[in-house]
C-alpha atoms as a PDB file:
ATOM      1  CA  UNK A   1       0.000   0.000   0.000  1.00  0.00           C
ATOM      2  CA  UNK A   2       1.439   3.401  -1.023  1.00  0.00           C
ATOM      3  CA  UNK A   3       2.198   5.777   1.838  1.00  0.00           C
ATOM      4  CA  UNK A   4       0.349   9.077   1.992  1.00  0.00           C
ATOM      5  CA  UNK A   5       2.764  11.810   0.887  1.00  0.00           C
ATOM      6  CA  UNK A   6       2.857  14.872   3.153  1.00  0.00           C
ATOM      7  CA  UNK A   7       4.156  18.415   2.818  1.00  0.00           C
ATOM      8  CA  UNK A   8       4.602  20.334   6.083  1.00  0.00           C
ATOM      9  CA  UNK A   9       4.239  24.134   6.075  1.00  0.00           C
ATOM     10  CA  UNK A  10       5.017  25.999   9.301  1.00  0.00           C
ATOM     11  CA  UNK A  11       7.347  28.899  10.058  1.00  0.00           C
ATOM     12  CA  UNK A  12       8.545  27.342  13.331  1.00  0.00           C
ATOM     13  CA  UNK A  13      11.394  24.964  12.597  1.00  0.00           C
ATOM     14  CA  UNK A  14      11.039  23.008  15.846  1.00  0.00           C
ATOM     15  CA  UNK A  15       7.355  22.405  15.197  1.00  0.00           C
ATOM     16  CA  UNK A  16       8.075  21.251  11.638  1.00  0.00           C
ATOM     17  CA  UNK A  17      10.785  18.893  12.834  1.00  0.00           C
ATOM     18  CA  UNK A  18       8.560  17.492  15.577  1.00  0.00           C
ATOM     19  CA  UNK A  19       5.674  17.059  13.171  1.00  0.00           C
ATOM     20  CA  UNK A  20       8.000  15.416  10.649  1.00  0.00           C
ATOM     21  CA  UNK A  21       9.129  12.849  13.221  1.00  0.00           C
ATOM     22  CA  UNK A  22       5.634  12.117  14.485  1.00  0.00           C
ATOM     23  CA  UNK A  23       4.087  11.809  11.027  1.00  0.00           C
ATOM     24  CA  UNK A  24       6.929   9.609   9.819  1.00  0.00           C
ATOM     25  CA  UNK A  25       6.408   7.359  12.836  1.00  0.00           C
ATOM     26  CA  UNK A  26       2.740   7.075  11.830  1.00  0.00           C
ATOM     27  CA  UNK A  27       3.786   5.662   8.465  1.00  0.00           C
ATOM     28  CA  UNK A  28       3.448   8.766   6.289  1.00  0.00           C
ATOM     29  CA  UNK A  29       6.005   9.880   3.697  1.00  0.00           C
ATOM     30  CA  UNK A  30       7.045  13.470   4.474  1.00  0.00           C
ATOM     31  CA  UNK A  31       8.275  14.710   1.095  1.00  0.00           C
ATOM     32  CA  UNK A  32       9.048  18.310   1.990  1.00  0.00           C
ATOM     33  CA  UNK A  33       8.928  21.217   4.436  1.00  0.00           C
ATOM     34  CA  UNK A  34       8.099  24.889   3.900  1.00  0.00           C
ATOM     35  CA  UNK A  35       8.844  27.811   6.221  1.00  0.00           C
ATOM     36  CA  UNK A  36       6.245  30.130   4.662  1.00  0.00           C
ATOM     37  CA  UNK A  37       3.329  30.197   2.269  1.00  0.00           C
ATOM     38  CA  UNK A  38       5.354  31.148  -0.786  1.00  0.00           C
ATOM     39  CA  UNK A  39       7.625  28.133  -0.385  1.00  0.00           C
ATOM     40  CA  UNK A  40       4.580  25.949   0.267  1.00  0.00           C
ATOM     41  CA  UNK A  41       3.051  27.043  -3.058  1.00  0.00           C
ATOM     42  CA  UNK A  42       6.312  26.298  -4.895  1.00  0.00           C
ATOM     43  CA  UNK A  43       6.769  22.878  -3.276  1.00  0.00           C
ATOM     44  CA  UNK A  44       3.120  21.964  -3.794  1.00  0.00           C
ATOM     45  CA  UNK A  45       3.533  22.511  -7.536  1.00  0.00           C
ATOM     46  CA  UNK A  46       6.867  20.670  -7.618  1.00  0.00           C
ATOM     47  CA  UNK A  47       6.085  17.705  -5.367  1.00  0.00           C
ATOM     48  CA  UNK A  48       2.278  17.378  -5.694  1.00  0.00           C
ATOM     49  CA  UNK A  49       1.854  15.833  -2.217  1.00  0.00           C
ATOM     50  CA  UNK A  50      -1.337  14.026  -1.246  1.00  0.00           C
ATOM     51  CA  UNK A  51      -1.833  16.198   1.837  1.00  0.00           C
ATOM     52  CA  UNK A  52      -0.391  19.504   3.044  1.00  0.00           C
ATOM     53  CA  UNK A  53      -0.426  20.292   6.762  1.00  0.00           C
ATOM     54  CA  UNK A  54      -0.553  24.089   6.489  1.00  0.00           C
ATOM     55  CA  UNK A  55      -0.049  26.562   9.331  1.00  0.00           C
ATOM     56  CA  UNK A  56      -2.474  29.495   9.167  1.00  0.00           C
ATOM     57  CA  UNK A  57      -0.056  32.209  10.365  1.00  0.00           C
ATOM     58  CA  UNK A  58       3.220  32.423   8.449  1.00  0.00           C
ATOM     59  CA  UNK A  59       5.459  35.248   7.146  1.00  0.00           C
ATOM     60  CA  UNK A  60       5.774  36.299   3.477  1.00  0.00           C
ATOM     61  CA  UNK A  61       2.466  34.605   2.666  1.00  0.00           C
ATOM     62  CA  UNK A  62       0.033  33.153   5.200  1.00  0.00           C
ATOM     63  CA  UNK A  63      -1.486  29.703   4.977  1.00  0.00           C
ATOM     64  CA  UNK A  64      -4.897  30.939   3.852  1.00  0.00           C
ATOM     65  CA  UNK A  65      -3.507  32.746   0.806  1.00  0.00           C
ATOM     66  CA  UNK A  66      -1.217  29.825   0.007  1.00  0.00           C
ATOM     67  CA  UNK A  67      -4.213  27.495   0.199  1.00  0.00           C
ATOM     68  CA  UNK A  68      -6.239  29.692  -2.160  1.00  0.00           C
ATOM     69  CA  UNK A  69      -3.420  29.692  -4.712  1.00  0.00           C
ATOM     70  CA  UNK A  70      -2.769  25.956  -4.498  1.00  0.00           C
ATOM     71  CA  UNK A  71      -6.427  24.965  -4.655  1.00  0.00           C
ATOM     72  CA  UNK A  72      -7.010  27.276  -7.633  1.00  0.00           C
ATOM     73  CA  UNK A  73      -4.850  24.918  -9.684  1.00  0.00           C
ATOM     74  CA  UNK A  74      -5.961  21.549 -11.014  1.00  0.00           C
ATOM     75  CA  UNK A  75      -4.321  19.591  -8.221  1.00  0.00           C
ATOM     76  CA  UNK A  76      -5.310  16.414  -6.357  1.00  0.00           C
ATOM     77  CA  UNK A  77      -3.581  17.771  -3.238  1.00  0.00           C
ATOM     78  CA  UNK A  78      -5.768  18.332  -0.180  1.00  0.00           C
ATOM     79  CA  UNK A  79      -4.913  20.791   2.575  1.00  0.00           C
ATOM     80  CA  UNK A  80      -5.435  20.588   6.340  1.00  0.00           C
ATOM     81  CA  UNK A  81      -5.051  23.912   8.130  1.00  0.00           C
ATOM     82  CA  UNK A  82      -3.305  24.070  11.507  1.00  0.00           C
ATOM     83  CA  UNK A  83      -3.881  26.926  13.933  1.00  0.00           C
ATOM     84  CA  UNK A  84      -3.219  27.849  17.551  1.00  0.00           C
ATOM     85  CA  UNK A  85      -6.771  29.072  18.126  1.00  0.00           C
ATOM     86  CA  UNK A  86     -10.223  27.634  17.421  1.00  0.00           C
ATOM     87  CA  UNK A  87     -11.478  30.699  15.541  1.00  0.00           C
ATOM     88  CA  UNK A  88     -14.672  30.118  13.553  1.00  0.00           C
ATOM     89  CA  UNK A  89     -13.943  33.132  11.316  1.00  0.00           C
ATOM     90  CA  UNK A  90     -10.583  31.671  10.327  1.00  0.00           C
ATOM     91  CA  UNK A  91     -12.325  28.333   9.809  1.00  0.00           C
ATOM     92  CA  UNK A  92     -14.795  29.958   7.424  1.00  0.00           C
ATOM     93  CA  UNK A  93     -11.951  31.585   5.480  1.00  0.00           C
ATOM     94  CA  UNK A  94     -10.120  28.259   5.316  1.00  0.00           C
ATOM     95  CA  UNK A  95     -13.196  26.513   3.936  1.00  0.00           C
ATOM     96  CA  UNK A  96     -13.687  29.226   1.312  1.00  0.00           C
ATOM     97  CA  UNK A  97     -10.010  28.904   0.372  1.00  0.00           C
ATOM     98  CA  UNK A  98     -10.590  25.221  -0.349  1.00  0.00           C
ATOM     99  CA  UNK A  99      -9.122  23.543   2.738  1.00  0.00           C
ATOM    100  CA  UNK A 100     -10.240  19.985   3.473  1.00  0.00           C
ATOM    101  CA  UNK A 101      -9.559  20.129   7.202  1.00  0.00           C
ATOM    102  CA  UNK A 102      -9.004  22.418  10.151  1.00  0.00           C
ATOM    103  CA  UNK A 103      -7.134  21.371  13.306  1.00  0.00           C
ATOM    104  CA  UNK A 104      -5.934  23.190  16.404  1.00  0.00           C
ATOM    105  CA  UNK A 105      -2.288  22.589  17.279  1.00  0.00           C
ATOM    106  CA  UNK A 106      -3.031  21.165  20.723  1.00  0.00           C
ATOM    107  CA  UNK A 107      -4.451  17.992  19.186  1.00  0.00           C
ATOM    108  CA  UNK A 108      -2.567  14.731  19.558  1.00  0.00           C
ATOM    109  CA  UNK A 109      -0.343  12.991  17.026  1.00  0.00           C
ATOM    110  CA  UNK A 110      -3.021  10.317  16.680  1.00  0.00           C
ATOM    111  CA  UNK A 111      -5.675  12.944  15.916  1.00  0.00           C
ATOM    112  CA  UNK A 112      -3.502  14.571  13.253  1.00  0.00           C
ATOM    113  CA  UNK A 113      -2.711  11.174  11.723  1.00  0.00           C
ATOM    114  CA  UNK A 114      -6.394  10.245  11.587  1.00  0.00           C
ATOM    115  CA  UNK A 115      -7.208  13.648  10.071  1.00  0.00           C
ATOM    116  CA  UNK A 116      -4.624  13.032   7.338  1.00  0.00           C
ATOM    117  CA  UNK A 117      -6.101   9.620   6.561  1.00  0.00           C
ATOM    118  CA  UNK A 118      -9.616  11.067   6.534  1.00  0.00           C
ATOM    119  CA  UNK A 119      -8.636  13.889   4.180  1.00  0.00           C
ATOM    120  CA  UNK A 120      -6.821  11.401   1.930  1.00  0.00           C
ATOM    121  CA  UNK A 121     -10.147   9.536   1.596  1.00  0.00           C
ATOM    122  CA  UNK A 122     -11.703  12.709   0.245  1.00  0.00           C
ATOM    123  CA  UNK A 123     -13.551  13.675   3.421  1.00  0.00           C
ATOM    124  CA  UNK A 124     -13.531  16.899   5.414  1.00  0.00           C
ATOM    125  CA  UNK A 125     -12.165  16.914   8.962  1.00  0.00           C
ATOM    126  CA  UNK A 126     -12.518  19.538  11.697  1.00  0.00           C
ATOM    127  CA  UNK A 127     -11.274  19.409  15.280  1.00  0.00           C
ATOM    128  CA  UNK A 128     -14.208  18.458  17.549  1.00  0.00           C
ATOM    129  CA  UNK A 129     -13.794  21.603  19.641  1.00  0.00           C
ATOM    130  CA  UNK A 130     -13.809  23.810  16.550  1.00  0.00           C
ATOM    131  CA  UNK A 131     -16.856  22.041  15.136  1.00  0.00           C
ATOM    132  CA  UNK A 132     -18.773  22.512  18.376  1.00  0.00           C
ATOM    133  CA  UNK A 133     -17.970  26.230  18.466  1.00  0.00           C
ATOM    134  CA  UNK A 134     -18.870  26.611  14.802  1.00  0.00           C
ATOM    135  CA  UNK A 135     -22.241  24.901  15.193  1.00  0.00           C
ATOM    136  CA  UNK A 136     -22.996  26.847  18.356  1.00  0.00           C
ATOM    137  CA  UNK A 137     -22.264  30.094  16.516  1.00  0.00           C
ATOM    138  CA  UNK A 138     -24.573  29.103  13.682  1.00  0.00           C
ATOM    139  CA  UNK A 139     -27.272  28.156  16.183  1.00  0.00           C
ATOM    140  CA  UNK A 140     -27.164  31.690  17.564  1.00  0.00           C
ATOM    141  CA  UNK A 141     -27.722  33.305  14.189  1.00  0.00           C
ATOM    142  CA  UNK A 142     -31.099  35.007  14.289  1.00  0.00           C
ATOM    143  CA  UNK A 143     -32.657  33.694  11.087  1.00  0.00           C
ATOM    144  CA  UNK A 144     -36.160  32.289  10.576  1.00  0.00           C
ATOM    145  CA  UNK A 145     -36.424  28.557  11.034  1.00  0.00           C
ATOM    146  CA  UNK A 146     -37.666  26.545   8.084  1.00  0.00           C
ATOM    147  CA  UNK A 147     -40.095  23.824   9.227  1.00  0.00           C
ATOM    148  CA  UNK A 148     -38.955  20.289   8.590  1.00  0.00           C
ATOM    149  CA  UNK A 149     -42.083  19.692   6.503  1.00  0.00           C
ATOM    150  CA  UNK A 150     -40.795  22.153   3.889  1.00  0.00           C
ATOM    151  CA  UNK A 151     -37.249  20.866   3.902  1.00  0.00           C
ATOM    152  CA  UNK A 152     -35.569  20.180   0.595  1.00  0.00           C
ATOM    153  CA  UNK A 153     -34.180  16.958   2.023  1.00  0.00           C
ATOM    154  CA  UNK A 154     -35.846  13.584   2.431  1.00  0.00           C
ATOM    155  CA  UNK A 155     -36.253  12.129   5.919  1.00  0.00           C
ATOM    156  CA  UNK A 156     -33.347   9.738   5.368  1.00  0.00           C
ATOM    157  CA  UNK A 157     -31.115  12.558   4.077  1.00  0.00           C
ATOM    158  CA  UNK A 158     -31.927  14.548   7.214  1.00  0.00           C
ATOM    159  CA  UNK A 159     -30.976  11.538   9.349  1.00  0.00           C
ATOM    160  CA  UNK A 160     -27.677  11.165   7.492  1.00  0.00           C
ATOM    161  CA  UNK A 161     -26.827  14.858   7.813  1.00  0.00           C
ATOM    162  CA  UNK A 162     -27.745  14.958  11.517  1.00  0.00           C
ATOM    163  CA  UNK A 163     -25.376  12.069  12.217  1.00  0.00           C
ATOM    164  CA  UNK A 164     -22.644  13.821  10.229  1.00  0.00           C
ATOM    165  CA  UNK A 165     -23.270  16.977  12.277  1.00  0.00           C
ATOM    166  CA  UNK A 166     -22.936  14.843  15.413  1.00  0.00           C
ATOM    167  CA  UNK A 167     -19.428  13.954  14.289  1.00  0.00           C
ATOM    168  CA  UNK A 168     -20.021  10.490  12.831  1.00  0.00           C
ATOM    169  CA  UNK A 169     -17.812   9.190  10.042  1.00  0.00           C
ATOM    170  CA  UNK A 170     -19.288   7.612   6.906  1.00  0.00           C
ATOM    171  CA  UNK A 171     -19.019   4.054   8.234  1.00  0.00           C
ATOM    172  CA  UNK A 172     -20.556   5.057  11.576  1.00  0.00           C
ATOM    173  CA  UNK A 173     -23.518   6.643   9.795  1.00  0.00           C
ATOM    174  CA  UNK A 174     -23.940   3.483   7.740  1.00  0.00           C
ATOM    175  CA  UNK A 175     -23.897   1.297  10.863  1.00  0.00           C
ATOM    176  CA  UNK A 176     -26.374   3.539  12.696  1.00  0.00           C
ATOM    177  CA  UNK A 177     -28.884   3.536   9.843  1.00  0.00           C
ATOM    178  CA  UNK A 178     -28.248  -0.068   8.749  1.00  0.00           C
ATOM    179  CA  UNK A 179     -27.287   0.983   5.231  1.00  0.00           C
ATOM    180  CA  UNK A 180     -24.085   0.654   3.223  1.00  0.00           C
ATOM    181  CA  UNK A 181     -21.299   3.234   3.188  1.00  0.00           C
ATOM    182  CA  UNK A 182     -21.922   3.646  -0.551  1.00  0.00           C
ATOM    183  CA  UNK A 183     -25.551   4.536   0.150  1.00  0.00           C
ATOM    184  CA  UNK A 184     -24.426   7.118   2.708  1.00  0.00           C
ATOM    185  CA  UNK A 185     -22.135   8.673   0.094  1.00  0.00           C
ATOM    186  CA  UNK A 186     -24.999   8.727  -2.408  1.00  0.00           C
ATOM    187  CA  UNK A 187     -27.198  10.513   0.136  1.00  0.00           C
ATOM    188  CA  UNK A 188     -24.402  13.029   0.802  1.00  0.00           C
ATOM    189  CA  UNK A 189     -24.030  13.728  -2.921  1.00  0.00           C
ATOM    190  CA  UNK A 190     -27.772  14.428  -3.109  1.00  0.00           C
ATOM    191  CA  UNK A 191     -27.603  16.629  -0.006  1.00  0.00           C
ATOM    192  CA  UNK A 192     -24.725  18.682  -1.443  1.00  0.00           C
ATOM    193  CA  UNK A 193     -26.676  19.259  -4.644  1.00  0.00           C
ATOM    194  CA  UNK A 194     -29.906  20.230  -2.884  1.00  0.00           C
ATOM    195  CA  UNK A 195     -28.185  22.580  -0.417  1.00  0.00           C
ATOM    196  CA  UNK A 196     -25.724  23.940  -2.995  1.00  0.00           C
ATOM    197  CA  UNK A 197     -22.848  22.841  -0.746  1.00  0.00           C
ATOM    198  CA  UNK A 198     -19.327  21.808  -1.686  1.00  0.00           C
ATOM    199  CA  UNK A 199     -18.689  19.497   1.246  1.00  0.00           C
ATOM    200  CA  UNK A 200     -19.931  18.303   4.633  1.00  0.00           C
ATOM    201  CA  UNK A 201     -19.046  21.478   6.488  1.00  0.00           C
ATOM    202  CA  UNK A 202     -20.953  23.735   4.106  1.00  0.00           C
ATOM    203  CA  UNK A 203     -23.900  21.348   4.094  1.00  0.00           C
ATOM    204  CA  UNK A 204     -24.057  21.343   7.901  1.00  0.00           C
ATOM    205  CA  UNK A 205     -23.849  25.147   8.065  1.00  0.00           C
ATOM    206  CA  UNK A 206     -26.649  25.534   5.528  1.00  0.00           C
ATOM    207  CA  UNK A 207     -28.784  22.891   7.228  1.00  0.00           C
ATOM    208  CA  UNK A 208     -28.298  24.591  10.605  1.00  0.00           C
ATOM    209  CA  UNK A 209     -29.493  27.893   9.140  1.00  0.00           C
ATOM    210  CA  UNK A 210     -32.535  26.139   7.700  1.00  0.00           C
ATOM    211  CA  UNK A 211     -33.348  24.344  10.942  1.00  0.00           C
ATOM    212  CA  UNK A 212     -32.875  20.901   9.376  1.00  0.00           C
ATOM    213  CA  UNK A 213     -30.203  19.719  11.830  1.00  0.00           C
ATOM    214  CA  UNK A 214     -29.466  20.730  15.401  1.00  0.00           C
ATOM    215  CA  UNK A 215     -26.448  20.919  17.694  1.00  0.00           C
ATOM    216  CA  UNK A 216     -26.848  18.072  20.203  1.00  0.00           C
END
């Protein structure tokens, strides 16, 4: 099985070196390191890694701008943003830039490794604490609720999206609803189309605004 190829982008050398060691020990292939966003953009084009672990705050060019530039190209690379603070505004900017994940730096090596594997499968990953804050913020938005009866989604699609909002992975949703993982993915594709969402995070945000799913 081919190892997932990683590019590390962080302006702190000690953090990069520590992350390099820990990710290598988890079985990943660290193909390069970047000390700022400009170098990250150059190495992303040269090395085409599977995943980039990208610090948000860096000199010369920050991680958000670097992510926008990289994701504007026709690249299979996916980017997980790393930050010191669980800021929902930064999260929103990261999502708009095209990031596939958002982690705070106090998470464990195991959590980062699992996030990398999740992103490599084409899924979006957000630190649990960040997700909770994000959903709580959306819940506070003073917008009219849309009754479930008028929802664009079917009952089963609502069940799938609620479980996703609760933090369940695809296989966990499948087990809970006694359906296959492929069926879950089909439901998600339909949900994205109906809610005009690019990924799970956008779908959850839109569904929260519409009153389809709730923070539990």
